[in-house]
Amino acid sequence: MKRYIASDFHNGNEVADYDRVMRFLDLVDDDADEFLILGDWEDLLFSNMTILTEIEPYSSVTERVKEIAQKKPVNLILGNHDWPQGLFASNIEPISIIPPFAEDGVYYTHGHEWDWMSIIVGTPVDPIWWGKTFPILPLHLLLFFASRTWEKAQDIYNMGVTII
């Protein structure tokens, strides 16, 4: 069985490479038996579900992954830019949102839960982040303190899965 694994498309972010993403999705559609997305396929920090489902080129990526999910299993592990996706799971059906998991000695996760710095400062290498830092800084601090209180940073990002 061929499992294709990808992460960090950041669909909805101005820095995403849409041509490359669409070519990769064509390859997944043609060759994969299963597709596993390890977070951040949609960028809900700098976009929203209306944009991602109605405005080009963003809607093409969203629709293409949904089309693939109608033919073969597509599972999504939420990342730090798409964790609210769990609240909109019905908008991405038949894609399944799943928690991080271990299989055959490999742990599948986005990985942001291990990076405490990203909880505090976001992603300073992202040019869009600089324009958004100060308005969302209180949110980042809240997430940092909440994650330390609950002793599991991933609980914050998987909350949407738990609610649904």
N, C-alpha and C. Protein backbone atom coordinates (compact mmCIF):
# COMPACT_ATOMS: atom_id res chain seq x y z
N MET A 1 0.84 -1.18 0.00
CA MET A 1 0.00 0.00 0.00
C MET A 1 0.89 1.25 0.00
N LYS A 2 0.59 2.18 -0.88
CA LYS A 2 1.35 3.43 -0.96
C LYS A 2 0.63 4.52 -0.17
N ARG A 3 1.30 4.99 0.86
CA ARG A 3 0.77 6.10 1.66
C ARG A 3 1.61 7.33 1.32
N TYR A 4 0.96 8.32 0.75
CA TYR A 4 1.64 9.59 0.51
C TYR A 4 1.42 10.47 1.73
N ILE A 5 2.49 11.12 2.17
CA ILE A 5 2.45 11.95 3.36
C ILE A 5 2.97 13.34 2.99
N ALA A 6 2.24 14.36 3.42
CA ALA A 6 2.65 15.74 3.14
C ALA A 6 2.20 16.64 4.29
N SER A 7 2.79 17.81 4.34
CA SER A 7 2.37 18.80 5.33
C SER A 7 2.68 20.19 4.81
N ASP A 8 2.14 21.16 5.49
CA ASP A 8 2.49 22.57 5.29
C ASP A 8 2.22 23.11 3.89
N PHE A 9 1.06 22.79 3.32
CA PHE A 9 0.65 23.43 2.07
C PHE A 9 0.38 24.92 2.32
N HIS A 10 -0.15 25.24 3.47
CA HIS A 10 -0.52 26.62 3.85
C HIS A 10 -1.44 27.24 2.81
N ASN A 11 -2.44 26.49 2.39
CA ASN A 11 -3.44 27.00 1.46
C ASN A 11 -4.17 28.16 2.12
N GLY A 12 -4.21 29.30 1.44
CA GLY A 12 -4.82 30.51 1.98
C GLY A 12 -3.79 31.54 2.37
N ASN A 13 -2.53 31.18 2.29
CA ASN A 13 -1.43 32.08 2.63
C ASN A 13 -0.79 32.55 1.33
N GLU A 14 -0.45 33.80 1.25
CA GLU A 14 0.10 34.37 0.02
C GLU A 14 1.43 33.75 -0.41
N VAL A 15 2.10 33.05 0.48
CA VAL A 15 3.40 32.48 0.12
C VAL A 15 3.31 31.03 -0.35
N ALA A 16 2.12 30.45 -0.41
CA ALA A 16 1.97 29.07 -0.85
C ALA A 16 2.29 28.95 -2.35
N ASP A 17 2.85 27.82 -2.74
CA ASP A 17 3.20 27.55 -4.14
C ASP A 17 2.09 26.68 -4.74
N TYR A 18 1.07 27.32 -5.29
CA TYR A 18 -0.13 26.61 -5.72
C TYR A 18 0.10 25.68 -6.90
N ASP A 19 0.94 26.06 -7.84
CA ASP A 19 1.22 25.17 -8.97
C ASP A 19 1.86 23.87 -8.49
N ARG A 20 2.83 23.98 -7.60
CA ARG A 20 3.51 22.80 -7.07
C ARG A 20 2.54 21.93 -6.27
N VAL A 21 1.70 22.55 -5.46
CA VAL A 21 0.73 21.80 -4.66
C VAL A 21 -0.23 21.05 -5.57
N MET A 22 -0.73 21.70 -6.62
CA MET A 22 -1.68 21.03 -7.51
C MET A 22 -1.01 19.88 -8.27
N ARG A 23 0.24 20.04 -8.67
CA ARG A 23 0.95 18.93 -9.33
C ARG A 23 1.13 17.76 -8.37
N PHE A 24 1.44 18.07 -7.12
CA PHE A 24 1.59 17.01 -6.12
C PHE A 24 0.25 16.30 -5.90
N LEU A 25 -0.84 17.05 -5.83
CA LEU A 25 -2.15 16.43 -5.62
C LEU A 25 -2.54 15.56 -6.81
N ASP A 26 -2.13 15.93 -8.02
CA ASP A 26 -2.36 15.06 -9.19
C ASP A 26 -1.61 13.74 -9.02
N LEU A 27 -0.38 13.81 -8.53
CA LEU A 27 0.40 12.60 -8.28
C LEU A 27 -0.27 11.73 -7.21
N VAL A 28 -0.75 12.34 -6.15
CA VAL A 28 -1.46 11.60 -5.10
C VAL A 28 -2.68 10.91 -5.69
N ASP A 29 -3.43 11.63 -6.49
CA ASP A 29 -4.64 11.07 -7.09
C ASP A 29 -4.32 9.89 -7.99
N ASP A 30 -3.24 9.98 -8.75
CA ASP A 30 -2.87 8.93 -9.70
C ASP A 30 -2.21 7.72 -9.05
N ASP A 31 -1.43 7.93 -7.98
CA ASP A 31 -0.53 6.88 -7.53
C ASP A 31 -0.74 6.39 -6.09
N ALA A 32 -1.32 7.19 -5.23
CA ALA A 32 -1.42 6.82 -3.81
C ALA A 32 -2.62 5.93 -3.54
N ASP A 33 -2.47 5.08 -2.52
CA ASP A 33 -3.60 4.31 -2.01
C ASP A 33 -4.23 5.03 -0.82
N GLU A 34 -3.44 5.87 -0.18
CA GLU A 34 -3.88 6.60 1.00
C GLU A 34 -3.09 7.91 1.06
N PHE A 35 -3.72 8.96 1.58
CA PHE A 35 -3.06 10.26 1.69
C PHE A 35 -3.17 10.73 3.13
N LEU A 36 -2.03 11.02 3.74
CA LEU A 36 -1.97 11.50 5.12
C LEU A 36 -1.39 12.91 5.11
N ILE A 37 -2.15 13.86 5.64
CA ILE A 37 -1.70 15.25 5.71
C ILE A 37 -1.33 15.54 7.16
N LEU A 38 -0.07 15.93 7.37
CA LEU A 38 0.42 16.18 8.72
C LEU A 38 0.37 17.67 9.05
N GLY A 39 -0.79 18.24 8.95
CA GLY A 39 -1.01 19.60 9.42
C GLY A 39 -0.72 20.71 8.43
N ASP A 40 -1.38 21.82 8.67
CA ASP A 40 -1.21 23.08 7.94
C ASP A 40 -1.49 22.97 6.44
N TRP A 41 -2.42 22.14 6.05
CA TRP A 41 -2.79 22.12 4.63
C TRP A 41 -3.63 23.35 4.31
N GLU A 42 -4.39 23.85 5.28
CA GLU A 42 -5.11 25.11 5.14
C GLU A 42 -4.51 26.07 6.16
N ASP A 43 -4.42 27.34 5.81
CA ASP A 43 -3.84 28.32 6.73
C ASP A 43 -4.96 29.18 7.30
N LEU A 44 -5.50 28.73 8.42
CA LEU A 44 -6.62 29.45 9.03
C LEU A 44 -6.17 30.56 9.97
N LEU A 45 -4.88 30.81 10.07
CA LEU A 45 -4.43 31.98 10.82
C LEU A 45 -4.57 33.23 9.96
N PHE A 46 -4.38 33.09 8.66
CA PHE A 46 -4.39 34.23 7.76
C PHE A 46 -5.49 34.14 6.71
N SER A 47 -6.42 33.23 6.89
CA SER A 47 -7.50 33.04 5.94
C SER A 47 -8.72 32.55 6.71
N ASN A 48 -9.79 32.18 5.99
CA ASN A 48 -10.97 31.61 6.63
C ASN A 48 -11.63 30.63 5.67
N MET A 49 -12.60 29.88 6.17
CA MET A 49 -13.20 28.81 5.36
C MET A 49 -13.95 29.36 4.15
N THR A 50 -14.49 30.55 4.22
CA THR A 50 -15.17 31.13 3.06
C THR A 50 -14.16 31.35 1.93
N ILE A 51 -13.03 31.94 2.25
CA ILE A 51 -11.98 32.16 1.25
C ILE A 51 -11.47 30.82 0.71
N LEU A 52 -11.26 29.87 1.60
CA LEU A 52 -10.68 28.59 1.19
C LEU A 52 -11.62 27.74 0.35
N THR A 53 -12.90 28.01 0.40
CA THR A 53 -13.86 27.21 -0.37
C THR A 53 -14.47 27.98 -1.54
N GLU A 54 -14.25 29.30 -1.63
CA GLU A 54 -14.92 30.07 -2.68
C GLU A 54 -14.01 30.90 -3.58
N ILE A 55 -12.78 31.16 -3.16
CA ILE A 55 -11.91 32.08 -3.91
C ILE A 55 -10.70 31.33 -4.46
N GLU A 56 -10.42 31.55 -5.75
CA GLU A 56 -9.25 30.95 -6.40
C GLU A 56 -7.99 31.68 -5.98
N PRO A 57 -6.86 31.01 -5.92
CA PRO A 57 -6.61 29.60 -6.19
C PRO A 57 -6.87 28.71 -4.99
N TYR A 58 -7.24 29.31 -3.85
CA TYR A 58 -7.40 28.57 -2.60
C TYR A 58 -8.46 27.48 -2.70
N SER A 59 -9.58 27.81 -3.32
CA SER A 59 -10.68 26.84 -3.40
C SER A 59 -10.29 25.62 -4.24
N SER A 60 -9.42 25.80 -5.23
CA SER A 60 -8.99 24.66 -6.06
C SER A 60 -8.26 23.61 -5.24
N VAL A 61 -7.40 24.05 -4.33
CA VAL A 61 -6.67 23.11 -3.48
C VAL A 61 -7.64 22.38 -2.56
N THR A 62 -8.52 23.13 -1.92
CA THR A 62 -9.49 22.52 -1.00
C THR A 62 -10.35 21.50 -1.74
N GLU A 63 -10.87 21.88 -2.90
CA GLU A 63 -11.73 20.97 -3.66
C GLU A 63 -10.97 19.76 -4.17
N ARG A 64 -9.73 19.96 -4.57
CA ARG A 64 -8.94 18.83 -5.10
C ARG A 64 -8.70 17.77 -4.03
N VAL A 65 -8.38 18.21 -2.82
CA VAL A 65 -8.17 17.24 -1.73
C VAL A 65 -9.48 16.54 -1.40
N LYS A 66 -10.59 17.26 -1.43
CA LYS A 66 -11.90 16.62 -1.18
C LYS A 66 -12.23 15.60 -2.28
N GLU A 67 -11.89 15.92 -3.53
CA GLU A 67 -12.12 14.97 -4.63
C GLU A 67 -11.30 13.70 -4.42
N ILE A 68 -10.06 13.86 -4.03
CA ILE A 68 -9.21 12.69 -3.76
C ILE A 68 -9.81 11.86 -2.63
N ALA A 69 -10.34 12.52 -1.62
CA ALA A 69 -10.92 11.83 -0.46
C ALA A 69 -12.17 11.04 -0.82
N GLN A 70 -12.79 11.35 -1.94
CA GLN A 70 -13.95 10.57 -2.39
C GLN A 70 -13.51 9.24 -3.00
N LYS A 71 -12.25 9.14 -3.40
CA LYS A 71 -11.73 7.94 -4.06
C LYS A 71 -10.89 7.06 -3.16
N LYS A 72 -10.22 7.67 -2.17
CA LYS A 72 -9.29 6.93 -1.31
C LYS A 72 -9.23 7.62 0.04
N PRO A 73 -8.76 6.93 1.07
CA PRO A 73 -8.70 7.54 2.40
C PRO A 73 -7.76 8.75 2.43
N VAL A 74 -8.27 9.85 2.95
CA VAL A 74 -7.47 11.05 3.19
C VAL A 74 -7.66 11.42 4.66
N ASN A 75 -6.57 11.38 5.41
CA ASN A 75 -6.61 11.69 6.84
C ASN A 75 -5.79 12.93 7.11
N LEU A 76 -6.30 13.76 8.01
CA LEU A 76 -5.66 15.02 8.37
C LEU A 76 -5.35 15.04 9.86
N ILE A 77 -4.09 15.26 10.18
CA ILE A 77 -3.68 15.54 11.56
C ILE A 77 -3.50 17.05 11.63
N LEU A 78 -4.19 17.68 12.54
CA LEU A 78 -4.19 19.13 12.61
C LEU A 78 -2.83 19.70 13.01
N GLY A 79 -2.50 20.85 12.43
CA GLY A 79 -1.27 21.57 12.75
C GLY A 79 -1.57 22.89 13.43
N ASN A 80 -0.56 23.71 13.59
CA ASN A 80 -0.75 24.97 14.30
C ASN A 80 -1.41 26.05 13.45
N HIS A 81 -1.50 25.87 12.13
CA HIS A 81 -2.20 26.85 11.30
C HIS A 81 -3.59 26.38 10.89
N ASP A 82 -3.90 25.13 11.09
CA ASP A 82 -5.23 24.65 10.70
C ASP A 82 -5.99 23.99 11.84
N TRP A 83 -5.55 24.19 13.10
CA TRP A 83 -6.23 23.52 14.20
C TRP A 83 -7.70 23.89 14.32
N PRO A 84 -8.15 25.12 13.91
CA PRO A 84 -9.59 25.38 13.98
C PRO A 84 -10.39 24.56 12.98
N GLN A 85 -9.70 23.86 12.05
CA GLN A 85 -10.37 23.05 11.04
C GLN A 85 -11.33 22.05 11.68
N GLY A 86 -11.01 21.59 12.88
CA GLY A 86 -11.89 20.65 13.57
C GLY A 86 -13.27 21.21 13.80
N LEU A 87 -13.37 22.53 13.90
CA LEU A 87 -14.67 23.17 14.09
C LEU A 87 -15.46 23.23 12.80
N PHE A 88 -14.77 23.04 11.66
CA PHE A 88 -15.41 23.12 10.35
C PHE A 88 -15.32 21.79 9.61
N ALA A 89 -15.27 20.71 10.34
CA ALA A 89 -15.04 19.39 9.74
C ALA A 89 -16.07 19.06 8.66
N SER A 90 -17.30 19.52 8.82
CA SER A 90 -18.32 19.21 7.82
C SER A 90 -18.00 19.90 6.49
N ASN A 91 -17.23 20.98 6.51
CA ASN A 91 -16.86 21.67 5.27
C ASN A 91 -15.79 20.94 4.47
N ILE A 92 -15.11 20.00 5.09
CA ILE A 92 -14.03 19.30 4.38
C ILE A 92 -14.33 17.81 4.20
N GLU A 93 -15.53 17.38 4.51
CA GLU A 93 -15.88 15.97 4.29
C GLU A 93 -15.71 15.64 2.82
N PRO A 94 -15.22 14.46 2.50
CA PRO A 94 -15.01 13.25 3.29
C PRO A 94 -13.62 13.11 3.89
N ILE A 95 -12.86 14.20 4.01
CA ILE A 95 -11.55 14.14 4.67
C ILE A 95 -11.78 13.85 6.15
N SER A 96 -11.01 12.94 6.71
CA SER A 96 -11.14 12.59 8.12
C SER A 96 -10.08 13.30 8.95
N ILE A 97 -10.49 13.91 10.05
CA ILE A 97 -9.55 14.51 10.98
C ILE A 97 -9.24 13.48 12.05
N ILE A 98 -7.95 13.22 12.23
CA ILE A 98 -7.53 12.20 13.19
C ILE A 98 -6.47 12.79 14.12
N PRO A 99 -6.30 12.21 15.30
CA PRO A 99 -5.24 12.67 16.21
C PRO A 99 -3.89 12.09 15.77
N PRO A 100 -2.80 12.68 16.25
CA PRO A 100 -1.48 12.09 15.98
C PRO A 100 -1.45 10.63 16.43
N PHE A 101 -0.66 9.81 15.73
CA PHE A 101 -0.63 8.39 16.06
C PHE A 101 0.74 7.80 15.77
N ALA A 102 0.98 6.64 16.36
CA ALA A 102 2.22 5.89 16.12
C ALA A 102 1.86 4.61 15.38
N GLU A 103 2.71 4.24 14.42
CA GLU A 103 2.50 3.02 13.65
C GLU A 103 3.85 2.52 13.16
N ASP A 104 4.12 1.27 13.42
CA ASP A 104 5.37 0.64 12.97
C ASP A 104 6.61 1.45 13.36
N GLY A 105 6.61 1.96 14.57
CA GLY A 105 7.76 2.69 15.08
C GLY A 105 7.89 4.13 14.61
N VAL A 106 6.88 4.64 13.91
CA VAL A 106 6.90 6.03 13.44
C VAL A 106 5.75 6.78 14.10
N TYR A 107 6.04 7.99 14.61
CA TYR A 107 5.01 8.83 15.21
C TYR A 107 4.62 9.89 14.19
N TYR A 108 3.36 9.89 13.80
CA TYR A 108 2.85 10.82 12.80
C TYR A 108 2.17 11.99 13.49
N THR A 109 2.74 13.18 13.30
CA THR A 109 2.20 14.40 13.90
C THR A 109 2.71 15.58 13.09
N HIS A 110 2.11 16.75 13.30
CA HIS A 110 2.61 17.95 12.64
C HIS A 110 3.92 18.39 13.27
N GLY A 111 4.02 18.28 14.58
CA GLY A 111 5.26 18.58 15.27
C GLY A 111 5.28 19.90 16.02
N HIS A 112 4.30 20.74 15.76
CA HIS A 112 4.30 22.05 16.42
C HIS A 112 4.18 21.96 17.93
N GLU A 113 3.60 20.89 18.43
CA GLU A 113 3.42 20.76 19.87
C GLU A 113 4.74 20.59 20.61
N TRP A 114 5.80 20.31 19.87
CA TRP A 114 7.13 20.18 20.47
C TRP A 114 7.91 21.49 20.40
N ASP A 115 7.39 22.47 19.71
CA ASP A 115 8.09 23.75 19.52
C ASP A 115 7.44 24.83 20.38
N TRP A 116 7.90 24.96 21.61
CA TRP A 116 7.30 25.93 22.53
C TRP A 116 7.47 27.35 22.02
N MET A 117 8.49 27.62 21.25
CA MET A 117 8.71 28.97 20.76
C MET A 117 7.62 29.40 19.78
N SER A 118 7.12 28.47 18.98
CA SER A 118 6.07 28.83 18.03
C SER A 118 4.78 29.21 18.74
N ILE A 119 4.56 28.67 19.92
CA ILE A 119 3.37 29.03 20.68
C ILE A 119 3.47 30.48 21.15
N ILE A 120 4.67 30.92 21.49
CA ILE A 120 4.85 32.28 22.00
C ILE A 120 4.93 33.31 20.88
N VAL A 121 5.75 33.04 19.87
CA VAL A 121 6.02 34.07 18.86
C VAL A 121 5.44 33.77 17.48
N GLY A 122 4.76 32.68 17.29
CA GLY A 122 4.25 32.36 15.97
C GLY A 122 5.36 31.89 15.07
N THR A 123 5.32 32.29 13.81
CA THR A 123 6.31 31.86 12.83
C THR A 123 6.96 33.08 12.20
N PRO A 124 8.04 33.60 12.79
CA PRO A 124 8.63 34.84 12.29
C PRO A 124 9.24 34.75 10.91
N VAL A 125 9.46 33.55 10.35
CA VAL A 125 9.98 33.46 8.99
C VAL A 125 8.89 33.68 7.95
N ASP A 126 7.64 33.67 8.36
CA ASP A 126 6.52 33.91 7.45
C ASP A 126 6.33 35.42 7.32
N PRO A 127 6.48 36.00 6.11
CA PRO A 127 6.37 37.45 5.97
C PRO A 127 5.02 38.01 6.39
N ILE A 128 3.97 37.24 6.24
CA ILE A 128 2.65 37.72 6.65
C ILE A 128 2.57 37.82 8.16
N TRP A 129 3.32 36.95 8.87
CA TRP A 129 3.28 36.95 10.33
C TRP A 129 3.64 38.30 10.90
N TRP A 130 4.63 39.00 10.30
CA TRP A 130 5.10 40.28 10.84
C TRP A 130 3.98 41.30 10.88
N GLY A 131 3.09 41.27 9.89
CA GLY A 131 1.98 42.22 9.88
C GLY A 131 0.87 41.86 10.84
N LYS A 132 0.88 40.65 11.35
CA LYS A 132 -0.19 40.18 12.21
C LYS A 132 0.23 39.95 13.65
N THR A 133 1.50 40.06 13.96
CA THR A 133 2.03 39.64 15.26
C THR A 133 1.36 40.34 16.43
N PHE A 134 1.33 41.63 16.42
CA PHE A 134 0.86 42.33 17.61
C PHE A 134 -0.62 42.11 17.89
N PRO A 135 -1.50 42.06 16.88
CA PRO A 135 -2.90 41.78 17.21
C PRO A 135 -3.13 40.39 17.80
N ILE A 136 -2.31 39.39 17.42
CA ILE A 136 -2.57 38.04 17.93
C ILE A 136 -1.63 37.63 19.05
N LEU A 137 -0.70 38.51 19.45
CA LEU A 137 0.23 38.15 20.52
C LEU A 137 -0.49 37.72 21.80
N PRO A 138 -1.56 38.42 22.24
CA PRO A 138 -2.26 37.94 23.44
C PRO A 138 -2.81 36.52 23.28
N LEU A 139 -3.27 36.18 22.08
CA LEU A 139 -3.75 34.82 21.84
C LEU A 139 -2.61 33.82 22.00
N HIS A 140 -1.44 34.14 21.47
CA HIS A 140 -0.29 33.24 21.59
C HIS A 140 0.09 33.05 23.06
N LEU A 141 0.07 34.11 23.83
CA LEU A 141 0.40 33.98 25.25
C LEU A 141 -0.64 33.13 25.97
N LEU A 142 -1.92 33.34 25.64
CA LEU A 142 -2.98 32.52 26.24
C LEU A 142 -2.76 31.05 25.91
N LEU A 143 -2.47 30.75 24.65
CA LEU A 143 -2.23 29.36 24.25
C LEU A 143 -1.03 28.78 24.98
N PHE A 144 0.02 29.58 25.15
CA PHE A 144 1.20 29.11 25.87
C PHE A 144 0.85 28.74 27.30
N PHE A 145 0.19 29.64 28.02
CA PHE A 145 -0.13 29.36 29.42
C PHE A 145 -1.14 28.22 29.55
N ALA A 146 -2.10 28.14 28.64
CA ALA A 146 -3.07 27.05 28.69
C ALA A 146 -2.38 25.71 28.45
N SER A 147 -1.45 25.69 27.51
CA SER A 147 -0.76 24.42 27.22
C SER A 147 0.08 23.97 28.41
N ARG A 148 0.68 24.91 29.10
CA ARG A 148 1.47 24.54 30.28
C ARG A 148 0.56 24.06 31.41
N THR A 149 -0.61 24.65 31.52
CA THR A 149 -1.55 24.24 32.56
C THR A 149 -2.03 22.82 32.30
N TRP A 150 -2.33 22.52 31.05
CA TRP A 150 -2.86 21.19 30.70
C TRP A 150 -1.75 20.18 30.48
N GLU A 151 -0.53 20.60 30.46
CA GLU A 151 0.65 19.76 30.31
C GLU A 151 0.73 19.04 28.97
N LYS A 152 -0.12 19.43 28.02
CA LYS A 152 -0.06 18.84 26.69
C LYS A 152 -0.39 19.92 25.68
N ALA A 153 0.59 20.40 24.97
CA ALA A 153 0.34 21.46 23.99
C ALA A 153 -0.61 20.98 22.90
N GLN A 154 -0.54 19.70 22.53
CA GLN A 154 -1.38 19.24 21.43
C GLN A 154 -2.85 19.25 21.77
N ASP A 155 -3.22 19.27 23.06
CA ASP A 155 -4.63 19.35 23.43
C ASP A 155 -5.27 20.60 22.84
N ILE A 156 -4.54 21.69 22.80
CA ILE A 156 -5.08 22.93 22.27
C ILE A 156 -5.40 22.76 20.79
N TYR A 157 -4.50 22.14 20.06
CA TYR A 157 -4.65 22.04 18.62
C TYR A 157 -5.62 20.94 18.19
N ASN A 158 -5.83 19.98 19.05
CA ASN A 158 -6.75 18.90 18.73
C ASN A 158 -8.11 19.10 19.38
N MET A 159 -8.32 20.26 19.99
CA MET A 159 -9.58 20.53 20.67
C MET A 159 -10.77 20.41 19.71
N GLY A 160 -10.58 20.87 18.49
CA GLY A 160 -11.66 20.78 17.51
C GLY A 160 -12.08 19.35 17.26
N VAL A 161 -11.12 18.42 17.22
CA VAL A 161 -11.44 17.01 17.02
C VAL A 161 -12.24 16.49 18.21
N THR A 162 -11.85 16.88 19.40
CA THR A 162 -12.53 16.42 20.61
C THR A 162 -13.97 16.92 20.65
N ILE A 163 -14.18 18.17 20.27
CA ILE A 163 -15.52 18.76 20.30
C ILE A 163 -16.44 18.03 19.35
N ILE A 164 -15.93 17.71 18.16
CA ILE A 164 -16.76 17.05 17.16
C ILE A 164 -16.89 15.60 17.50
